[in-house]
């Protein structure tokens, strides 16, 4: 994600992009904690190899995308 922001800009000196990446990272970490507590089976299926047999088909499509 960082490369997608900073490479087209041509400079790493972009404070708003850095702030976005920090906020995004915090949100992702919180989402993983919520998933681990609320639906550990779902988290395990999502962290398995892409297109794992135990994943529902909708999850496989989302993981691939």
Protein backbone atom coordinates (compact mmCIF):
# COMPACT_ATOMS: atom_id res chain seq x y z
CA UNK A 1 0.00 0.00 0.00
CA UNK A 2 2.87 2.33 0.81
CA UNK A 3 4.46 1.74 -2.57
CA UNK A 4 1.14 2.51 -4.25
CA UNK A 5 1.08 5.87 -2.51
CA UNK A 6 4.72 6.94 -2.53
CA UNK A 7 6.05 5.63 -5.86
CA UNK A 8 3.66 7.63 -8.08
CA UNK A 9 4.30 10.71 -5.93
CA UNK A 10 8.03 10.31 -6.52
CA UNK A 11 8.91 11.26 -2.95
CA UNK A 12 8.50 9.79 0.52
CA UNK A 13 8.00 13.34 1.84
CA UNK A 14 4.21 13.20 1.92
CA UNK A 15 2.97 13.53 5.51
CA UNK A 16 -0.70 12.91 4.72
CA UNK A 17 0.11 9.59 3.05
CA UNK A 18 2.21 8.57 6.04
CA UNK A 19 -0.66 9.50 8.37
CA UNK A 20 -3.05 7.47 6.24
CA UNK A 21 -0.78 4.43 6.42
CA UNK A 22 -0.52 4.70 10.21
CA UNK A 23 -4.30 5.01 10.63
CA UNK A 24 -4.86 2.15 8.17
CA UNK A 25 -2.41 -0.04 10.08
CA UNK A 26 -4.15 0.69 13.39
CA UNK A 27 -7.57 -0.08 11.91
CA UNK A 28 -6.32 -3.37 10.43
CA UNK A 29 -4.77 -4.39 13.77
CA UNK A 30 -8.00 -3.57 15.61
CA UNK A 31 -10.01 -5.53 13.05
CA UNK A 32 -7.79 -8.57 13.53
CA UNK A 33 -8.19 -8.36 17.32
CA UNK A 34 -11.99 -8.07 17.00
CA UNK A 35 -12.07 -11.02 14.59
CA UNK A 36 -9.82 -13.09 16.88
CA UNK A 37 -12.15 -12.52 19.82
CA UNK A 38 -15.50 -12.61 18.04
CA UNK A 39 -15.02 -15.16 15.28
CA UNK A 40 -11.73 -17.03 15.63
CA UNK A 41 -12.80 -19.65 13.08
CA UNK A 42 -13.48 -16.97 10.49
CA UNK A 43 -10.13 -15.35 11.15
CA UNK A 44 -8.36 -18.69 10.83
CA UNK A 45 -10.08 -19.34 7.51
CA UNK A 46 -9.17 -15.89 6.21
CA UNK A 47 -5.52 -16.26 7.21
CA UNK A 48 -5.20 -19.70 5.60
CA UNK A 49 -3.69 -20.05 2.16
CA UNK A 50 -5.73 -18.34 -0.56
CA UNK A 51 -8.59 -20.47 -1.83
CA UNK A 52 -8.35 -22.90 1.08
CA UNK A 53 -10.97 -25.62 0.99
CA UNK A 54 -12.32 -24.57 4.39
CA UNK A 55 -13.16 -21.05 3.19
CA UNK A 56 -16.68 -20.28 1.99
CA UNK A 57 -16.78 -19.42 -1.72
CA UNK A 58 -17.56 -15.74 -1.00
CA UNK A 59 -14.44 -15.48 1.14
CA UNK A 60 -12.35 -17.11 -1.57
CA UNK A 61 -13.51 -14.52 -4.10
CA UNK A 62 -12.82 -11.63 -1.67
CA UNK A 63 -9.39 -13.02 -0.74
CA UNK A 64 -8.43 -13.40 -4.37
CA UNK A 65 -9.59 -9.87 -5.19
